[in-house]
C-alpha atoms as a PDB file:
ATOM      1  CA  MET A   1      54.843  28.212 -95.149  1.00  0.00           C
ATOM      2  CA  THR A   2      54.099  25.407 -97.646  1.00  0.00           C
ATOM      3  CA  ASN A   3      50.677  23.932 -98.195  1.00  0.00           C
ATOM      4  CA  ARG A   4      51.749  20.817 -96.421  1.00  0.00           C
ATOM      5  CA  SER A   5      52.761  22.802 -93.355  1.00  0.00           C
ATOM      6  CA  ARG A   6      49.462  24.633 -93.316  1.00  0.00           C
ATOM      7  CA  ILE A   7      47.534  21.396 -93.520  1.00  0.00           C
ATOM      8  CA  LEU A   8      49.522  19.823 -90.700  1.00  0.00           C
ATOM      9  CA  SER A   9      49.064  22.925 -88.508  1.00  0.00           C
ATOM     10  CA  SER A  10      45.317  22.933 -89.121  1.00  0.00           C
ATOM     11  CA  VAL A  11      45.060  19.251 -88.278  1.00  0.00           C
ATOM     12  CA  PHE A  12      47.029  19.757 -85.082  1.00  0.00           C
ATOM     13  CA  VAL A  13      44.734  22.573 -83.906  1.00  0.00           C
ATOM     14  CA  THR A  14      41.663  20.557 -84.710  1.00  0.00           C
ATOM     15  CA  VAL A  15      42.936  17.512 -82.801  1.00  0.00           C
ATOM     16  CA  PHE A  16      43.902  19.664 -79.826  1.00  0.00           C
ATOM     17  CA  CYS A  17      40.465  21.294 -79.618  1.00  0.00           C
ATOM     18  CA  VAL A  18      38.740  17.952 -79.908  1.00  0.00           C
ATOM     19  CA  ALA A  19      40.901  16.616 -77.061  1.00  0.00           C
ATOM     20  CA  LEU A  20      39.986  19.548 -74.812  1.00  0.00           C
ATOM     21  CA  MET A  21      36.248  19.419 -75.425  1.00  0.00           C
ATOM     22  CA  PRO A  22      35.457  16.369 -73.176  1.00  0.00           C
ATOM     23  CA  ALA A  23      37.335  17.939 -70.261  1.00  0.00           C
ATOM     24  CA  ALA A  24      35.442  21.229 -70.608  1.00  0.00           C
ATOM     25  CA  VAL A  25      32.147  19.440 -70.936  1.00  0.00           C
ATOM     26  CA  MET A  26      32.895  17.319 -67.851  1.00  0.00           C
ATOM     27  CA  ALA A  27      33.863  20.401 -65.809  1.00  0.00           C
ATOM     28  CA  LYS A  28      30.658  22.132 -66.830  1.00  0.00           C
ATOM     29  CA  ASN A  29      28.626  19.049 -65.980  1.00  0.00           C
ATOM     30  CA  ASP A  30      30.377  18.780 -62.582  1.00  0.00           C
ATOM     31  CA  LYS A  31      29.448  22.388 -61.764  1.00  0.00           C
ATOM     32  CA  ALA A  32      25.864  21.813 -62.745  1.00  0.00           C
ATOM     33  CA  SER A  33      25.763  18.613 -60.718  1.00  0.00           C
ATOM     34  CA  SER A  34      27.200  20.400 -57.671  1.00  0.00           C
ATOM     35  CA  ARG A  35      24.627  23.165 -57.959  1.00  0.00           C
ATOM     36  CA  SER A  36      21.877  20.575 -58.313  1.00  0.00           C
ATOM     37  CA  SER A  37      23.081  18.598 -55.271  1.00  0.00           C
ATOM     38  CA  ALA A  38      23.360  21.742 -53.203  1.00  0.00           C
ATOM     39  CA  GLY A  39      19.842  22.705 -54.220  1.00  0.00           C
ATOM     40  CA  HIS A  40      18.520  19.300 -53.250  1.00  0.00           C
ATOM     41  CA  ILE A  41      20.289  19.459 -49.862  1.00  0.00           C
ATOM     42  CA  GLN A  42      18.938  22.943 -49.115  1.00  0.00           C
ATOM     43  CA  THR A  43      15.463  21.841 -50.162  1.00  0.00           C
ATOM     44  CA  ASN A  44      15.672  18.820 -47.884  1.00  0.00           C
ATOM     45  CA  LEU A  45      16.888  20.987 -44.998  1.00  0.00           C
ATOM     46  CA  ASN A  46      14.029  23.416 -45.532  1.00  0.00           C
ATOM     47  CA  LEU A  47      11.565  20.571 -45.661  1.00  0.00           C
ATOM     48  CA  SER A  48      13.043  19.050 -42.472  1.00  0.00           C
ATOM     49  CA  ALA A  49      12.856  22.401 -40.689  1.00  0.00           C
ATOM     50  CA  GLY A  50       9.286  22.804 -41.777  1.00  0.00           C
ATOM     51  CA  VAL A  51       8.369  19.331 -40.605  1.00  0.00           C
ATOM     52  CA  GLY A  52      10.111  19.944 -37.243  1.00  0.00           C
ATOM     53  CA  ALA A  53       8.346  23.249 -36.779  1.00  0.00           C
ATOM     54  CA  ASN A  54       5.035  21.730 -37.698  1.00  0.00           C
ATOM     55  CA  SER A  55       5.733  18.850 -35.340  1.00  0.00           C
ATOM     56  CA  GLY A  56       6.571  21.304 -32.529  1.00  0.00           C
ATOM     57  CA  HIS A  57       3.419  23.274 -33.128  1.00  0.00           C
ATOM     58  CA  SER A  58       1.453  20.056 -33.288  1.00  0.00           C
ATOM     59  CA  GLY A  59       3.002  18.831 -29.995  1.00  0.00           C
ATOM     60  CA  ALA A  60       2.249  22.151 -28.291  1.00  0.00           C
ATOM     61  CA  SER A  61      -1.270  22.081 -29.614  1.00  0.00           C
ATOM     62  CA  ASN A  62      -1.725  18.529 -28.397  1.00  0.00           C
ATOM     63  CA  GLY A  63      -0.283  19.513 -24.993  1.00  0.00           C
ATOM     64  CA  HIS A  64      -2.702  22.402 -24.661  1.00  0.00           C
ATOM     65  CA  ALA A  65      -5.530  20.177 -25.756  1.00  0.00           C
ATOM     66  CA  LEU A  66      -4.622  17.524 -23.177  1.00  0.00           C
ATOM     67  CA  SER A  67      -4.284  20.153 -20.434  1.00  0.00           C
ATOM     68  CA  ALA A  68      -7.624  21.666 -21.314  1.00  0.00           C
ATOM     69  CA  SER A  69      -9.161  18.202 -21.406  1.00  0.00           C
ATOM     70  CA  SER A  70      -7.664  17.355 -17.993  1.00  0.00           C
ATOM     71  CA  ASP A  71      -8.909  20.617 -16.467  1.00  0.00           C
ATOM     72  CA  ALA A  72     -12.333  20.035 -17.925  1.00  0.00           C
ATOM     73  CA  GLY A  73     -12.340  16.495 -16.557  1.00  0.00           C
ATOM     74  CA  THR A  74     -11.316  17.708 -13.095  1.00  0.00           C
ATOM     75  CA  GLU A  75     -14.047  20.327 -13.133  1.00  0.00           C
ATOM     76  CA  VAL A  76     -16.600  17.750 -14.184  1.00  0.00           C
ATOM     77  CA  ASP A  77     -15.456  15.387 -11.429  1.00  0.00           C
ATOM     78  CA  ALA A  78     -15.630  18.162  -8.841  1.00  0.00           C
ATOM     79  CA  LYS A  79     -19.141  19.068  -9.916  1.00  0.00           C
ATOM     80  CA  ALA A  80     -20.164  15.413  -9.876  1.00  0.00           C
ATOM     81  CA  ASN A  81     -18.706  14.913  -6.388  1.00  0.00           C
ATOM     82  CA  HIS A  82     -20.392  18.066  -5.112  1.00  0.00           C
ATOM     83  CA  GLY A  83     -23.662  16.915  -6.572  1.00  0.00           C
ATOM     84  CA  ALA A  84     -23.275  13.500  -4.957  1.00  0.00           C
ATOM     85  CA  VAL A  85     -22.532  15.079  -1.563  1.00  0.00           C
ATOM     86  CA  ALA A  86     -25.511  17.453  -1.861  1.00  0.00           C
ATOM     87  CA  SER A  87     -27.699  14.483  -2.773  1.00  0.00           C
ATOM     88  CA  GLU A  88     -26.435  12.521   0.224  1.00  0.00           C
ATOM     89  CA  LEU A  89     -27.019  15.414   2.620  1.00  0.00           C
ATOM     90  CA  LYS A  90     -30.634  15.843   1.483  1.00  0.00           C
ATOM     91  CA  GLY A  91     -32.415  17.582   4.361  1.00  0.00           C
ATOM     92  CA  LEU A  92     -29.088  18.430   5.964  1.00  0.00           C
ATOM     93  CA  ASN A  93     -28.587  21.024   3.234  1.00  0.00           C
ATOM     94  CA  SER A  94     -30.562  23.173   5.675  1.00  0.00           C
ATOM     95  CA  SER A  95     -27.181  23.549   7.398  1.00  0.00           C
ATOM     96  CA  HIS A  96     -26.647  26.507   5.066  1.00  0.00           C
ATOM     97  CA  ALA A  97     -28.954  28.501   7.364  1.00  0.00           C
ATOM     98  CA  SER A  98     -27.303  31.361   9.232  1.00  0.00           C
ATOM     99  CA  ALA A  99     -26.117  31.111  12.837  1.00  0.00           C
ATOM    100  CA  SER A 100     -28.888  33.516  13.823  1.00  0.00           C
ATOM    101  CA  ALA A 101     -31.482  31.271  12.192  1.00  0.00           C
ATOM    102  CA  ARG A 102     -30.118  28.232  14.044  1.00  0.00           C
ATOM    103  CA  GLU A 103     -30.164  30.113  17.320  1.00  0.00           C
ATOM    104  CA  HIS A 104     -33.867  30.944  17.035  1.00  0.00           C
ATOM    105  CA  ALA A 105     -35.011  27.749  15.323  1.00  0.00           C
ATOM    106  CA  ASN A 106     -37.478  25.278  16.767  1.00  0.00           C
ATOM    107  CA  PRO A 107     -35.407  22.472  18.404  1.00  0.00           C
ATOM    108  CA  ASN A 108     -37.454  19.857  16.536  1.00  0.00           C
ATOM    109  CA  SER A 109     -36.997  21.473  13.123  1.00  0.00           C
ATOM    110  CA  ARG A 110     -34.185  20.539  10.747  1.00  0.00           C
ATOM    111  CA  VAL A 111     -32.446  23.829  11.414  1.00  0.00           C
ATOM    112  CA  GLY A 112     -32.916  23.353  15.150  1.00  0.00           C
ATOM    113  CA  ARG A 113     -31.392  19.863  14.986  1.00  0.00           C
ATOM    114  CA  ASN A 114     -28.476  21.246  13.019  1.00  0.00           C
ATOM    115  CA  ALA A 115     -27.983  23.753  15.834  1.00  0.00           C
ATOM    116  CA  ALA A 116     -28.037  20.938  18.396  1.00  0.00           C
ATOM    117  CA  TYR A 117     -25.403  19.047  16.441  1.00  0.00           C
ATOM    118  CA  ALA A 118     -23.208  22.142  16.189  1.00  0.00           C
ATOM    119  CA  THR A 119     -23.437  22.605  19.966  1.00  0.00           C
ATOM    120  CA  ALA A 120     -22.539  18.949  20.542  1.00  0.00           C
ATOM    121  CA  ALA A 121     -19.599  19.172  18.128  1.00  0.00           C
ATOM    122  CA  LEU A 122     -18.237  22.225  19.953  1.00  0.00           C
ATOM    123  CA  ALA A 123     -18.595  20.375  23.253  1.00  0.00           C
ATOM    124  CA  THR A 124     -16.570  17.489  21.814  1.00  0.00           C
ATOM    125  CA  ALA A 125     -13.837  19.868  20.705  1.00  0.00           C
ATOM    126  CA  SER A 126     -13.723  21.416  24.178  1.00  0.00           C
ATOM    127  CA  ALA A 127     -13.596  17.981  25.804  1.00  0.00           C
ATOM    128  CA  ALA A 128     -10.748  17.013  23.495  1.00  0.00           C
ATOM    129  CA  ASP A 129      -8.760  20.074  24.599  1.00  0.00           C
ATOM    130  CA  THR A 130      -9.397  19.257  28.264  1.00  0.00           C
ATOM    131  CA  LYS A 131      -8.330  15.663  27.703  1.00  0.00           C
ATOM    132  CA  ALA A 132      -5.123  16.767  25.980  1.00  0.00           C
ATOM    133  CA  MET A 133      -4.233  19.055  28.908  1.00  0.00           C
ATOM    134  CA  ALA A 134      -5.007  16.297  31.416  1.00  0.00           C
ATOM    135  CA  ASP A 135      -2.830  13.821  29.554  1.00  0.00           C
ATOM    136  CA  ASN A 136      -0.002  16.353  29.484  1.00  0.00           C
ATOM    137  CA  ALA A 137      -0.389  16.900  33.232  1.00  0.00           C
ATOM    138  CA  VAL A 138       0.117  13.173  33.781  1.00  0.00           C
ATOM    139  CA  VAL A 139       3.346  13.279  31.783  1.00  0.00           C
ATOM    140  CA  LEU A 140       4.648  16.228  33.818  1.00  0.00           C
ATOM    141  CA  ALA A 141       3.638  14.632  37.139  1.00  0.00           C
ATOM    142  CA  ALA A 142       5.393  11.408  36.188  1.00  0.00           C
ATOM    143  CA  ALA A 143       8.540  13.374  35.404  1.00  0.00           C
ATOM    144  CA  ASP A 144       8.338  15.129  38.798  1.00  0.00           C
ATOM    145  CA  LEU A 145       7.971  11.766  40.525  1.00  0.00           C
ATOM    146  CA  THR A 146      11.082  10.500  38.765  1.00  0.00           C
ATOM    147  CA  LEU A 147      13.055  13.534  39.950  1.00  0.00           C
ATOM    148  CA  ALA A 148      11.752  13.106  43.502  1.00  0.00           C
ATOM    149  CA  THR A 149      12.761   9.447  43.496  1.00  0.00           C
ATOM    150  CA  GLU A 150      16.267  10.329  42.336  1.00  0.00           C
ATOM    151  CA  ALA A 151      16.526  13.072  44.962  1.00  0.00           C
ATOM    152  CA  LEU A 152      15.582  10.659  47.743  1.00  0.00           C
ATOM    153  CA  ALA A 153      18.157   8.146  46.523  1.00  0.00           C
ATOM    154  CA  GLN A 154      20.831  10.844  46.662  1.00  0.00           C
ATOM    155  CA  ALA A 155      19.656  11.946  50.133  1.00  0.00           C
ATOM    156  CA  ASN A 156      19.896   8.360  51.384  1.00  0.00           C
ATOM    157  CA  ALA A 157      23.443   8.058  50.041  1.00  0.00           C
ATOM    158  CA  ASP A 158      24.501  11.398  51.601  1.00  0.00           C
ATOM    159  CA  LEU A 159      23.004  10.426  54.966  1.00  0.00           C
ATOM    160  CA  LEU A 160      24.785   7.084  54.948  1.00  0.00           C
ATOM    161  CA  SER A 161      28.096   8.799  54.170  1.00  0.00           C
ATOM    162  CA  ALA A 162      27.570  11.335  56.989  1.00  0.00           C
ATOM    163  CA  GLN A 163      26.705   8.568  59.458  1.00  0.00           C
ATOM    164  CA  VAL A 164      29.863   6.668  58.535  1.00  0.00           C
ATOM    165  CA  GLU A 165      31.997   9.786  59.104  1.00  0.00           C
ATOM    166  CA  LEU A 166      30.293  10.319  62.476  1.00  0.00           C
ATOM    167  CA  GLN A 167      30.932   6.725  63.535  1.00  0.00           C
ATOM    168  CA  ILE A 168      34.579   7.009  62.547  1.00  0.00           C
ATOM    169  CA  ALA A 169      34.931  10.147  64.678  1.00  0.00           C
ATOM    170  CA  ILE A 170      33.242   8.413  67.602  1.00  0.00           C
ATOM    171  CA  ASP A 171      35.453   5.344  67.307  1.00  0.00           C
ATOM    172  CA  ALA A 172      38.562   7.515  67.118  1.00  0.00           C
ATOM    173  CA  GLY A 173      37.556   9.511  70.181  1.00  0.00           C
ATOM    174  CA  LEU A 174      37.546  12.718  68.142  1.00  0.00           C
ATOM    175  CA  ASP A 175      35.332  15.740  68.485  1.00  0.00           C
ATOM    176  CA  THR A 176      32.086  14.703  66.831  1.00  0.00           C
ATOM    177  CA  THR A 177      30.434  18.127  66.771  1.00  0.00           C
ATOM    178  CA  GLU A 178      31.015  18.770  63.094  1.00  0.00           C
ATOM    179  CA  ALA A 179      30.371  15.195  62.018  1.00  0.00           C
ATOM    180  CA  ARG A 180      27.177  15.038  64.062  1.00  0.00           C
ATOM    181  CA  ALA A 181      25.900  18.326  62.585  1.00  0.00           C
ATOM    182  CA  LYS A 182      26.608  17.015  59.104  1.00  0.00           C
ATOM    183  CA  ALA A 183      24.738  13.799  59.826  1.00  0.00           C
ATOM    184  CA  ASP A 184      21.783  15.709  61.274  1.00  0.00           C
ATOM    185  CA  ALA A 185      21.614  17.926  58.190  1.00  0.00           C
ATOM    186  CA  ALA A 186      21.727  14.887  55.904  1.00  0.00           C
ATOM    187  CA  ALA A 187      18.925  13.295  57.905  1.00  0.00           C
ATOM    188  CA  GLN A 188      16.810  16.418  57.447  1.00  0.00           C
ATOM    189  CA  VAL A 189      17.450  16.407  53.698  1.00  0.00           C
ATOM    190  CA  GLN A 190      16.377  12.775  53.597  1.00  0.00           C
ATOM    191  CA  ALA A 191      13.169  13.561  55.511  1.00  0.00           C
ATOM    192  CA  ASP A 192      12.361  16.392  53.112  1.00  0.00           C
ATOM    193  CA  ALA A 193      13.049  14.114  50.147  1.00  0.00           C
ATOM    194  CA  ILE A 194      10.657  11.522  51.571  1.00  0.00           C
ATOM    195  CA  LEU A 195       7.921  14.146  51.886  1.00  0.00           C
ATOM    196  CA  ALA A 196       8.644  15.454  48.373  1.00  0.00           C
ATOM    197  CA  LEU A 197       8.392  11.941  47.003  1.00  0.00           C
ATOM    198  CA  ALA A 198       5.058  11.434  48.713  1.00  0.00           C
ATOM    199  CA  ASP A 199       3.787  14.751  47.300  1.00  0.00           C
ATOM    200  CA  ALA A 200       4.978  13.801  43.801  1.00  0.00           C
ATOM    201  CA  GLN A 201       3.242  10.467  44.033  1.00  0.00           C
ATOM    202  CA  ALA A 202       0.037  12.120  45.214  1.00  0.00           C
ATOM    203  CA  ALA A 203       0.263  14.638  42.344  1.00  0.00           C
ATOM    204  CA  LEU A 204       0.679  11.831  39.833  1.00  0.00           C
ATOM    205  CA  ASP A 205      -2.279   9.956  41.310  1.00  0.00           C
ATOM    206  CA  GLY A 206      -4.401  13.100  41.078  1.00  0.00           C
ATOM    207  CA  ALA A 207      -3.305  13.804  37.513  1.00  0.00           C
ATOM    208  CA  THR A 208      -4.057  10.225  36.529  1.00  0.00           C
ATOM    209  CA  GLN A 209      -7.540  10.437  37.994  1.00  0.00           C
ATOM    210  CA  ALA A 210      -8.163  13.772  36.273  1.00  0.00           C
ATOM    211  CA  ALA A 211      -7.001  12.283  32.963  1.00  0.00           C
ATOM    212  CA  ALA A 212      -9.355   9.345  33.413  1.00  0.00           C
ATOM    213  CA  GLN A 213     -12.209  11.740  34.104  1.00  0.00           C
ATOM    214  CA  ALA A 214     -11.307  13.835  31.079  1.00  0.00           C
ATOM    215  CA  GLN A 215     -11.224  10.720  28.948  1.00  0.00           C
ATOM    216  CA  ALA A 216     -14.668   9.683  30.167  1.00  0.00           C
ATOM    217  CA  GLU A 217     -16.081  13.166  29.474  1.00  0.00           C
ATOM    218  CA  TYR A 218     -14.528  13.150  26.029  1.00  0.00           C
ATOM    219  CA  ASP A 219     -15.999   9.730  25.219  1.00  0.00           C
ATOM    220  CA  ALA A 220     -19.401  10.948  26.396  1.00  0.00           C
ATOM    221  CA  ALA A 221     -19.105  14.075  24.255  1.00  0.00           C
ATOM    222  CA  VAL A 222     -18.214  12.017  21.188  1.00  0.00           C
ATOM    223  CA  ALA A 223     -21.227   9.760  21.784  1.00  0.00           C
ATOM    224  CA  ALA A 224     -23.511  12.782  22.276  1.00  0.00           C
ATOM    225  CA  GLU A 225     -22.225  14.359  19.078  1.00  0.00           C
ATOM    226  CA  HIS A 226     -22.874  11.160  17.151  1.00  0.00           C
ATOM    227  CA  ASP A 227     -26.396  10.922  18.558  1.00  0.00           C
ATOM    228  CA  ALA A 228     -27.053  14.530  17.580  1.00  0.00           C
ATOM    229  CA  LEU A 229     -25.791  13.827  14.082  1.00  0.00           C
ATOM    230  CA  LEU A 230     -28.074  10.812  13.660  1.00  0.00           C
ATOM    231  CA  LEU A 231     -31.005  12.843  14.937  1.00  0.00           C
ATOM    232  CA  ALA A 232     -30.268  15.585  12.413  1.00  0.00           C
ATOM    233  CA  SER A 233     -29.747  13.153   9.521  1.00  0.00           C
ATOM    234  CA  GLY A 234     -32.729  10.973  10.324  1.00  0.00           C
ATOM    235  CA  GLY A 235     -30.566   8.027  11.337  1.00  0.00           C
ATOM    236  CA  VAL A 236     -28.369   8.093   8.213  1.00  0.00           C
ATOM    237  CA  GLU A 237     -24.623   7.563   8.650  1.00  0.00           C
ATOM    238  CA  LEU A 238     -22.865  10.126   6.462  1.00  0.00           C
ATOM    239  CA  SER A 239     -19.796   9.482   4.363  1.00  0.00           C
ATOM    240  CA  ALA A 240     -16.596  11.310   5.287  1.00  0.00           C
ATOM    241  CA  ALA A 241     -17.078  13.756   2.389  1.00  0.00           C
ATOM    242  CA  ALA A 242     -20.692  14.504   3.297  1.00  0.00           C
ATOM    243  CA  LEU A 243     -19.852  14.939   6.992  1.00  0.00           C
ATOM    244  CA  ALA A 244     -17.014  17.324   6.121  1.00  0.00           C
ATOM    245  CA  GLU A 245     -19.385  19.369   3.936  1.00  0.00           C
ATOM    246  CA  TYR A 246     -22.048  19.394   6.665  1.00  0.00           C
ATOM    247  CA  ARG A 247     -19.597  20.555   9.320  1.00  0.00           C
ATOM    248  CA  ALA A 248     -18.201  23.218   7.015  1.00  0.00           C
ATOM    249  CA  ASN A 249     -21.702  24.552   6.417  1.00  0.00           C
ATOM    250  CA  LEU A 250     -22.110  24.843  10.197  1.00  0.00           C
ATOM    251  CA  GLY A 251     -18.794  26.647  10.567  1.00  0.00           C
ATOM    252  CA  LEU A 252     -17.140  23.764  12.435  1.00  0.00           C
END
């Protein structure tokens, strides 16, 4: 190989290497960039996961805190309400006394007046039961009267039909024995239906009177209970909450 050939070969190799260098450098840079981007993405994901987890823990913590706060508030309200009721009852807090103590208490003492109210309240409950049974008896008696009325209407129709058949037999000159017996039987059924209707009406009248009496006794019991309550409370009208507490203390 001549010197010229060697020089040309060397130049060619040099040019070729120089041409390849940018491509290699770019490939290397692309790999580095990809690794860097992947690292940034993973870091961001980790950060997002951490923030989400922290947010979840924070939400749970806030939820527990709110629940605890709500429970505490409810407990405080309950205590406040109980205190208000106890304050309203005042002397009626003596209703915590035992049944034995009420039984042997002086009628003019607070405990004795509580006992009187308890007796009156039980009487009202009994009167209410009696009234309910009396009202139900009226409903049943009214139903019986309706049935008796319908039975009489049917008896009247049957008697009329039997009388028509008898008249036809008479007009035709036929043997009326069977037709007459049928008419007589229908007349008896009608008579019984009339008596049954009268009995049903009397039963309804009696039930109505008994219901009116039961209503009057119930009204009187309610008034007596109210009077006993005012006597026990010193003339103070209790709120619904205080009255419920008072009655519960007395086992009502």
